[in-house]
Amino acid sequence: MFEHLKNLREIINVARCIDCKENAFLKHSVFTAYVWQLTYLLSQIGVEKNSRENIKILEWGCGVGFHGVVLRELGFTVISCDIPNALSTGQNFIVDDNMIIWLQHPYLLPFEDEKFDIVLSFGVLEHVEDEYSSITEISRVLKKDGLFYVTMLPALISYINQIGHLRGDYYHDRLYTIGSIQKLLSSAGLSVQKMRRAQLLPRSKFGRWFFWELIDRLLCIPFGWISTNYELVIKK
């Protein structure tokens, strides 16, 4: 617990400095969710500060670039990539876009085999054109025993996602069950090591207060089966 709180404090200190750039997207409550996710990631990596530069991370589908910026500031070696024109209205980069590798193929990655210790997917997998081919590529560039950390993967059994579909909101191209996740991963030689559910409360209704993220996480313990997203630690 102490180590987790120590990681949280370190990430908050870095993230708050980054947020001074007044990025509109990060004024949303997603900021606090990102901080909690990165805190959990650090607990799974479990390396000393002076060894972080030896950990190679691929930020797959980097979006505004928040996670990559924080992890670089923490000392990790990070490569960010995304497809051109990936950002939605109201979003803008917090990282120099010259630092992003722009992908020229729907799923093929321009990296050699087993290059990365960790691959990150924060709200990406459900949007890709070919999920099976994309997962195969992730497995290819991931080292043996490497980690694939997936968050914000939308769940089929979720009252928020189902209400969204009833209202005609199909922002997420696919919704997942535990069975469909395991089938997808096993096709590429990957397996789930840890799985959690997150976001029981509608995030758009709350500000960037860490209090609400904490309450949401606590509520997901008994009621996670109807929460919005999966968070997965996956191993090759």
C-alpha atoms as a PDB file:
ATOM      1  CA  MET A   1       0.000   0.000   0.000  1.00  0.00           C
ATOM      2  CA  PHE A   2       2.816   2.414   0.913  1.00  0.00           C
ATOM      3  CA  GLU A   3       4.548   1.789  -2.420  1.00  0.00           C
ATOM      4  CA  HIS A   4       1.282   2.366  -4.284  1.00  0.00           C
ATOM      5  CA  LEU A   5       0.768   5.735  -2.545  1.00  0.00           C
ATOM      6  CA  LYS A   6       4.376   6.665  -3.238  1.00  0.00           C
ATOM      7  CA  ASN A   7       3.870   5.930  -6.951  1.00  0.00           C
ATOM      8  CA  LEU A   8       0.620   7.920  -6.949  1.00  0.00           C
ATOM      9  CA  ARG A   9       2.329  10.961  -5.441  1.00  0.00           C
ATOM     10  CA  GLU A  10       5.184  10.771  -7.955  1.00  0.00           C
ATOM     11  CA  ILE A  11       2.800  10.565 -10.925  1.00  0.00           C
ATOM     12  CA  ILE A  12       0.553  13.355  -9.630  1.00  0.00           C
ATOM     13  CA  ASN A  13       3.555  15.668  -9.264  1.00  0.00           C
ATOM     14  CA  VAL A  14       4.606  15.008 -12.870  1.00  0.00           C
ATOM     15  CA  ALA A  15       1.067  15.111 -14.270  1.00  0.00           C
ATOM     16  CA  ARG A  16       0.216  18.428 -12.633  1.00  0.00           C
ATOM     17  CA  CYS A  17       3.253  20.054 -14.212  1.00  0.00           C
ATOM     18  CA  ILE A  18       2.209  18.742 -17.613  1.00  0.00           C
ATOM     19  CA  ASP A  19      -1.341  19.968 -17.094  1.00  0.00           C
ATOM     20  CA  CYS A  20      -0.066  23.533 -16.744  1.00  0.00           C
ATOM     21  CA  LYS A  21      -0.204  23.550 -20.555  1.00  0.00           C
ATOM     22  CA  GLU A  22      -3.992  23.860 -20.159  1.00  0.00           C
ATOM     23  CA  ASN A  23      -4.926  21.026 -22.477  1.00  0.00           C
ATOM     24  CA  ALA A  24      -8.723  21.112 -22.829  1.00  0.00           C
ATOM     25  CA  PHE A  25      -9.048  17.322 -23.030  1.00  0.00           C
ATOM     26  CA  LEU A  26      -7.247  16.831 -19.721  1.00  0.00           C
ATOM     27  CA  LYS A  27      -9.526  19.257 -17.905  1.00  0.00           C
ATOM     28  CA  HIS A  28     -12.039  16.428 -18.094  1.00  0.00           C
ATOM     29  CA  SER A  29     -12.218  13.848 -15.320  1.00  0.00           C
ATOM     30  CA  VAL A  30     -10.308  11.447 -17.576  1.00  0.00           C
ATOM     31  CA  PHE A  31      -7.182  13.101 -16.116  1.00  0.00           C
ATOM     32  CA  THR A  32      -7.714  11.425 -12.747  1.00  0.00           C
ATOM     33  CA  ALA A  33      -8.465   8.067 -14.377  1.00  0.00           C
ATOM     34  CA  TYR A  34      -5.203   8.272 -16.338  1.00  0.00           C
ATOM     35  CA  VAL A  35      -3.243   9.018 -13.166  1.00  0.00           C
ATOM     36  CA  TRP A  36      -4.745   6.006 -11.366  1.00  0.00           C
ATOM     37  CA  GLN A  37      -4.008   3.766 -14.353  1.00  0.00           C
ATOM     38  CA  LEU A  38      -0.377   4.854 -14.534  1.00  0.00           C
ATOM     39  CA  THR A  39      -0.024   4.332 -10.787  1.00  0.00           C
ATOM     40  CA  TYR A  40      -1.226   0.769 -11.192  1.00  0.00           C
ATOM     41  CA  LEU A  41       1.140   0.239 -14.122  1.00  0.00           C
ATOM     42  CA  LEU A  42       4.111   1.339 -12.019  1.00  0.00           C
ATOM     43  CA  SER A  43       3.121  -1.163  -9.340  1.00  0.00           C
ATOM     44  CA  GLN A  44       3.164  -3.940 -11.967  1.00  0.00           C
ATOM     45  CA  ILE A  45       6.544  -2.951 -13.398  1.00  0.00           C
ATOM     46  CA  GLY A  46       8.198  -2.718 -10.003  1.00  0.00           C
ATOM     47  CA  VAL A  47      11.669  -1.466 -10.977  1.00  0.00           C
ATOM     48  CA  GLU A  48      13.968   0.995  -9.257  1.00  0.00           C
ATOM     49  CA  LYS A  49      14.169   4.558 -10.591  1.00  0.00           C
ATOM     50  CA  ASN A  50      17.714   4.113 -11.845  1.00  0.00           C
ATOM     51  CA  SER A  51      16.646   1.117 -13.956  1.00  0.00           C
ATOM     52  CA  ARG A  52      13.656   2.714 -15.669  1.00  0.00           C
ATOM     53  CA  GLU A  53      15.534   3.865 -18.767  1.00  0.00           C
ATOM     54  CA  ASN A  54      16.177   0.198 -19.587  1.00  0.00           C
ATOM     55  CA  ILE A  55      12.421  -0.455 -19.865  1.00  0.00           C
ATOM     56  CA  LYS A  56      11.220   0.115 -23.435  1.00  0.00           C
ATOM     57  CA  ILE A  57       7.554   1.065 -23.698  1.00  0.00           C
ATOM     58  CA  LEU A  58       5.352   1.413 -26.776  1.00  0.00           C
ATOM     59  CA  GLU A  59       2.460   3.848 -26.349  1.00  0.00           C
ATOM     60  CA  TRP A  60       0.194   2.294 -28.982  1.00  0.00           C
ATOM     61  CA  GLY A  61      -2.426   4.806 -30.088  1.00  0.00           C
ATOM     62  CA  CYS A  62      -1.012   7.682 -28.050  1.00  0.00           C
ATOM     63  CA  GLY A  63      -3.887  10.143 -28.516  1.00  0.00           C
ATOM     64  CA  VAL A  64      -2.964  13.466 -26.867  1.00  0.00           C
ATOM     65  CA  GLY A  65       0.237  11.838 -25.625  1.00  0.00           C
ATOM     66  CA  PHE A  66      -0.396  12.122 -21.884  1.00  0.00           C
ATOM     67  CA  HIS A  67       0.843   8.690 -20.831  1.00  0.00           C
ATOM     68  CA  GLY A  68       4.011   8.870 -22.875  1.00  0.00           C
ATOM     69  CA  VAL A  69       4.908  12.319 -21.536  1.00  0.00           C
ATOM     70  CA  VAL A  70       4.431  11.215 -17.923  1.00  0.00           C
ATOM     71  CA  LEU A  71       6.382   7.994 -18.383  1.00  0.00           C
ATOM     72  CA  ARG A  72       9.257   9.815 -20.100  1.00  0.00           C
ATOM     73  CA  GLU A  73       9.404  12.279 -17.222  1.00  0.00           C
ATOM     74  CA  LEU A  74       9.523   9.301 -14.849  1.00  0.00           C
ATOM     75  CA  GLY A  75      12.595   8.008 -16.666  1.00  0.00           C
ATOM     76  CA  PHE A  76      11.254   5.286 -18.975  1.00  0.00           C
ATOM     77  CA  THR A  77      12.192   4.908 -22.643  1.00  0.00           C
ATOM     78  CA  VAL A  78       8.952   5.497 -24.551  1.00  0.00           C
ATOM     79  CA  ILE A  79       8.010   5.388 -28.228  1.00  0.00           C
ATOM     80  CA  SER A  80       4.594   6.855 -29.089  1.00  0.00           C
ATOM     81  CA  CYS A  81       2.656   5.985 -32.225  1.00  0.00           C
ATOM     82  CA  ASP A  82      -0.777   6.624 -33.701  1.00  0.00           C
ATOM     83  CA  ILE A  83      -2.627   6.935 -36.980  1.00  0.00           C
ATOM     84  CA  PRO A  84      -2.766  10.373 -38.653  1.00  0.00           C
ATOM     85  CA  ASN A  85      -5.722  12.588 -37.665  1.00  0.00           C
ATOM     86  CA  ALA A  86      -6.451  10.409 -34.637  1.00  0.00           C
ATOM     87  CA  LEU A  87      -7.577  13.194 -32.329  1.00  0.00           C
ATOM     88  CA  SER A  88     -11.205  14.156 -31.879  1.00  0.00           C
ATOM     89  CA  THR A  89     -12.673  17.643 -31.625  1.00  0.00           C
ATOM     90  CA  GLY A  90     -11.557  19.394 -28.445  1.00  0.00           C
ATOM     91  CA  GLN A  91      -8.362  17.363 -28.109  1.00  0.00           C
ATOM     92  CA  ASN A  92      -4.843  18.579 -28.741  1.00  0.00           C
ATOM     93  CA  PHE A  93      -1.350  17.216 -28.219  1.00  0.00           C
ATOM     94  CA  ILE A  94       0.615  17.808 -25.039  1.00  0.00           C
ATOM     95  CA  VAL A  95       3.627  16.214 -26.726  1.00  0.00           C
ATOM     96  CA  ASP A  96       5.485  17.551 -29.751  1.00  0.00           C
ATOM     97  CA  ASP A  97       3.945  15.685 -32.673  1.00  0.00           C
ATOM     98  CA  ASN A  98       7.442  15.309 -34.115  1.00  0.00           C
ATOM     99  CA  MET A  99       7.998  12.761 -31.341  1.00  0.00           C
ATOM    100  CA  ILE A 100       5.118  10.600 -32.590  1.00  0.00           C
ATOM    101  CA  ILE A 101       5.620   7.839 -35.161  1.00  0.00           C
ATOM    102  CA  TRP A 102       2.706   8.084 -37.585  1.00  0.00           C
ATOM    103  CA  LEU A 103       1.496   4.672 -38.678  1.00  0.00           C
ATOM    104  CA  GLN A 104       0.963   4.165 -42.385  1.00  0.00           C
ATOM    105  CA  HIS A 105      -0.916   0.860 -42.124  1.00  0.00           C
ATOM    106  CA  PRO A 106      -4.146  -0.067 -40.290  1.00  0.00           C
ATOM    107  CA  TYR A 107      -2.363  -2.629 -38.094  1.00  0.00           C
ATOM    108  CA  LEU A 108       1.240  -3.323 -39.170  1.00  0.00           C
ATOM    109  CA  LEU A 109       3.814  -1.752 -36.840  1.00  0.00           C
ATOM    110  CA  PRO A 110       7.210  -0.467 -38.099  1.00  0.00           C
ATOM    111  CA  PHE A 111       9.193  -2.119 -35.296  1.00  0.00           C
ATOM    112  CA  GLU A 112      11.365  -5.207 -35.112  1.00  0.00           C
ATOM    113  CA  ASP A 113      10.326  -8.389 -33.309  1.00  0.00           C
ATOM    114  CA  GLU A 114      10.451  -8.408 -29.499  1.00  0.00           C
ATOM    115  CA  LYS A 115      11.514  -4.766 -29.185  1.00  0.00           C
ATOM    116  CA  PHE A 116       9.354  -3.684 -26.229  1.00  0.00           C
ATOM    117  CA  ASP A 117       9.053  -4.695 -22.594  1.00  0.00           C
ATOM    118  CA  ILE A 118       5.623  -3.078 -22.308  1.00  0.00           C
ATOM    119  CA  VAL A 119       2.906  -2.067 -24.766  1.00  0.00           C
ATOM    120  CA  LEU A 120       0.153   0.316 -23.640  1.00  0.00           C
ATOM    121  CA  SER A 121      -3.395   0.537 -24.976  1.00  0.00           C
ATOM    122  CA  PHE A 122      -5.546   3.213 -23.326  1.00  0.00           C
ATOM    123  CA  GLY A 123      -8.912   3.161 -25.088  1.00  0.00           C
ATOM    124  CA  VAL A 124      -7.471   1.995 -28.416  1.00  0.00           C
ATOM    125  CA  LEU A 125      -8.171  -1.677 -29.079  1.00  0.00           C
ATOM    126  CA  GLU A 126     -11.929  -1.279 -29.507  1.00  0.00           C
ATOM    127  CA  HIS A 127     -11.412   1.237 -32.333  1.00  0.00           C
ATOM    128  CA  VAL A 128      -8.914  -0.584 -34.560  1.00  0.00           C
ATOM    129  CA  GLU A 129      -9.950  -1.834 -37.976  1.00  0.00           C
ATOM    130  CA  ASP A 130      -8.762  -5.433 -37.508  1.00  0.00           C
ATOM    131  CA  GLU A 131      -8.475  -6.423 -33.850  1.00  0.00           C
ATOM    132  CA  TYR A 132      -7.018  -9.897 -34.455  1.00  0.00           C
ATOM    133  CA  SER A 133      -4.271  -8.642 -36.779  1.00  0.00           C
ATOM    134  CA  SER A 134      -3.544  -5.761 -34.403  1.00  0.00           C
ATOM    135  CA  ILE A 135      -3.180  -8.116 -31.444  1.00  0.00           C
ATOM    136  CA  THR A 136      -0.878 -10.357 -33.479  1.00  0.00           C
ATOM    137  CA  GLU A 137       1.338  -7.339 -34.192  1.00  0.00           C
ATOM    138  CA  ILE A 138       1.370  -6.353 -30.518  1.00  0.00           C
ATOM    139  CA  SER A 139       2.478  -9.865 -29.619  1.00  0.00           C
ATOM    140  CA  ARG A 140       5.188  -9.769 -32.282  1.00  0.00           C
ATOM    141  CA  VAL A 141       6.838  -6.569 -31.009  1.00  0.00           C
ATOM    142  CA  LEU A 142       6.470  -7.559 -27.344  1.00  0.00           C
ATOM    143  CA  LYS A 143       9.360  -9.358 -25.648  1.00  0.00           C
ATOM    144  CA  LYS A 144       8.877 -12.783 -24.101  1.00  0.00           C
ATOM    145  CA  ASP A 145       7.319 -12.289 -20.654  1.00  0.00           C
ATOM    146  CA  GLY A 146       6.552  -8.692 -21.646  1.00  0.00           C
ATOM    147  CA  LEU A 147       3.381  -6.899 -20.492  1.00  0.00           C
ATOM    148  CA  PHE A 148       0.492  -5.599 -22.576  1.00  0.00           C
ATOM    149  CA  TYR A 149      -1.446  -3.138 -20.416  1.00  0.00           C
ATOM    150  CA  VAL A 150      -4.980  -2.431 -21.658  1.00  0.00           C
ATOM    151  CA  THR A 151      -7.407   0.010 -20.061  1.00  0.00           C
ATOM    152  CA  MET A 152     -10.730   1.612 -20.958  1.00  0.00           C
ATOM    153  CA  LEU A 153     -11.734  -1.509 -22.886  1.00  0.00           C
ATOM    154  CA  PRO A 154     -15.549  -1.184 -23.056  1.00  0.00           C
ATOM    155  CA  ALA A 155     -17.592  -3.984 -21.497  1.00  0.00           C
ATOM    156  CA  LEU A 156     -20.710  -5.469 -23.072  1.00  0.00           C
ATOM    157  CA  ILE A 157     -22.361  -5.950 -19.671  1.00  0.00           C
ATOM    158  CA  SER A 158     -22.367  -2.290 -18.684  1.00  0.00           C
ATOM    159  CA  TYR A 159     -25.335  -0.064 -18.038  1.00  0.00           C
ATOM    160  CA  ILE A 160     -23.512   3.034 -19.388  1.00  0.00           C
ATOM    161  CA  ASN A 161     -22.516   1.366 -22.656  1.00  0.00           C
ATOM    162  CA  GLN A 162     -25.977  -0.112 -23.137  1.00  0.00           C
ATOM    163  CA  ILE A 163     -27.699   3.229 -22.484  1.00  0.00           C
ATOM    164  CA  GLY A 164     -25.332   4.803 -24.992  1.00  0.00           C
ATOM    165  CA  HIS A 165     -26.310   2.264 -27.649  1.00  0.00           C
ATOM    166  CA  LEU A 166     -30.003   2.807 -26.951  1.00  0.00           C
ATOM    167  CA  ARG A 167     -29.421   6.520 -27.553  1.00  0.00           C
ATOM    168  CA  GLY A 168     -27.645   5.779 -30.839  1.00  0.00           C
ATOM    169  CA  ASP A 169     -24.140   6.455 -29.514  1.00  0.00           C
ATOM    170  CA  TYR A 170     -21.803   3.900 -31.081  1.00  0.00           C
ATOM    171  CA  TYR A 171     -18.536   5.656 -30.252  1.00  0.00           C
ATOM    172  CA  HIS A 172     -17.049   2.265 -29.330  1.00  0.00           C
ATOM    173  CA  ASP A 173     -16.903   0.043 -32.379  1.00  0.00           C
ATOM    174  CA  ARG A 174     -16.908  -3.111 -30.233  1.00  0.00           C
ATOM    175  CA  LEU A 175     -17.922  -4.132 -26.713  1.00  0.00           C
ATOM    176  CA  TYR A 176     -16.244  -7.049 -24.945  1.00  0.00           C
ATOM    177  CA  THR A 177     -16.940  -9.922 -22.589  1.00  0.00           C
ATOM    178  CA  ILE A 178     -14.359 -11.903 -20.629  1.00  0.00           C
ATOM    179  CA  GLY A 179     -14.799 -14.741 -23.104  1.00  0.00           C
ATOM    180  CA  SER A 180     -14.260 -12.577 -26.186  1.00  0.00           C
ATOM    181  CA  ILE A 181     -11.185 -10.958 -24.608  1.00  0.00           C
ATOM    182  CA  GLN A 182      -9.603 -14.307 -23.791  1.00  0.00           C
ATOM    183  CA  LYS A 183     -10.340 -15.676 -27.269  1.00  0.00           C
ATOM    184  CA  LEU A 184      -8.793 -12.622 -28.905  1.00  0.00           C
ATOM    185  CA  LEU A 185      -5.640 -12.744 -26.798  1.00  0.00           C
ATOM    186  CA  SER A 186      -5.096 -16.492 -26.998  1.00  0.00           C
ATOM    187  CA  SER A 187      -5.064 -16.234 -30.797  1.00  0.00           C
ATOM    188  CA  ALA A 188      -1.797 -14.296 -30.472  1.00  0.00           C
ATOM    189  CA  GLY A 189      -0.193 -16.255 -27.645  1.00  0.00           C
ATOM    190  CA  LEU A 190      -1.160 -13.758 -24.934  1.00  0.00           C
ATOM    191  CA  SER A 191      -2.887 -14.418 -21.632  1.00  0.00           C
ATOM    192  CA  VAL A 192      -4.606 -12.309 -18.983  1.00  0.00           C
ATOM    193  CA  GLN A 193      -2.663 -12.113 -15.725  1.00  0.00           C
ATOM    194  CA  LYS A 194      -4.916  -9.623 -13.920  1.00  0.00           C
ATOM    195  CA  MET A 195      -8.323  -8.188 -14.738  1.00  0.00           C
ATOM    196  CA  ARG A 196     -10.273  -5.383 -13.079  1.00  0.00           C
ATOM    197  CA  ARG A 197     -13.435  -3.454 -13.867  1.00  0.00           C
ATOM    198  CA  ALA A 198     -13.552   0.352 -13.703  1.00  0.00           C
ATOM    199  CA  GLN A 199     -15.820   3.370 -14.169  1.00  0.00           C
ATOM    200  CA  LEU A 200     -19.136   2.645 -12.563  1.00  0.00           C
ATOM    201  CA  LEU A 201     -20.103   6.332 -12.424  1.00  0.00           C
ATOM    202  CA  PRO A 202     -20.658   8.344 -15.627  1.00  0.00           C
ATOM    203  CA  ARG A 203     -17.323  10.144 -15.884  1.00  0.00           C
ATOM    204  CA  SER A 204     -18.666  13.093 -17.887  1.00  0.00           C
ATOM    205  CA  LYS A 205     -20.792  14.112 -14.877  1.00  0.00           C
ATOM    206  CA  PHE A 206     -17.848  14.621 -12.559  1.00  0.00           C
ATOM    207  CA  GLY A 207     -14.882  16.937 -12.495  1.00  0.00           C
ATOM    208  CA  ARG A 208     -11.225  16.158 -12.093  1.00  0.00           C
ATOM    209  CA  TRP A 209     -11.406  15.503  -8.379  1.00  0.00           C
ATOM    210  CA  PHE A 210      -9.453  12.482  -7.186  1.00  0.00           C
ATOM    211  CA  PHE A 211     -12.185  11.998  -4.595  1.00  0.00           C
ATOM    212  CA  TRP A 212     -14.657  10.889  -7.279  1.00  0.00           C
ATOM    213  CA  GLU A 213     -12.171   8.506  -8.876  1.00  0.00           C
ATOM    214  CA  LEU A 214     -11.516   6.940  -5.479  1.00  0.00           C
ATOM    215  CA  ILE A 215     -15.254   6.564  -4.803  1.00  0.00           C
ATOM    216  CA  ASP A 216     -15.724   5.041  -8.237  1.00  0.00           C
ATOM    217  CA  ARG A 217     -12.915   2.532  -7.654  1.00  0.00           C
ATOM    218  CA  LEU A 218     -14.379   1.521  -4.308  1.00  0.00           C
ATOM    219  CA  LEU A 219     -17.867   1.069  -5.802  1.00  0.00           C
ATOM    220  CA  CYS A 220     -16.407  -1.158  -8.512  1.00  0.00           C
ATOM    221  CA  ILE A 221     -15.399  -3.720  -5.886  1.00  0.00           C
ATOM    222  CA  PRO A 222     -18.981  -4.924  -5.248  1.00  0.00           C
ATOM    223  CA  PHE A 223     -20.625  -3.591  -8.426  1.00  0.00           C
ATOM    224  CA  GLY A 224     -17.851  -3.947 -11.004  1.00  0.00           C
ATOM    225  CA  TRP A 225     -19.852  -6.426 -13.056  1.00  0.00           C
ATOM    226  CA  ILE A 226     -21.965  -3.545 -14.433  1.00  0.00           C
ATOM    227  CA  SER A 227     -19.149  -0.989 -14.722  1.00  0.00           C
ATOM    228  CA  THR A 228     -18.033   0.471 -18.028  1.00  0.00           C
ATOM    229  CA  ASN A 229     -14.503  -0.746 -18.696  1.00  0.00           C
ATOM    230  CA  TYR A 230     -12.022  -3.572 -18.318  1.00  0.00           C
ATOM    231  CA  GLU A 231      -8.461  -2.969 -17.164  1.00  0.00           C
ATOM    232  CA  LEU A 232      -6.121  -5.801 -18.077  1.00  0.00           C
ATOM    233  CA  VAL A 233      -2.541  -6.811 -17.367  1.00  0.00           C
ATOM    234  CA  ILE A 234      -1.659  -9.229 -20.156  1.00  0.00           C
ATOM    235  CA  LYS A 235       1.494 -11.304 -20.504  1.00  0.00           C
ATOM    236  CA  LYS A 236       3.220 -12.838 -23.488  1.00  0.00           C
END
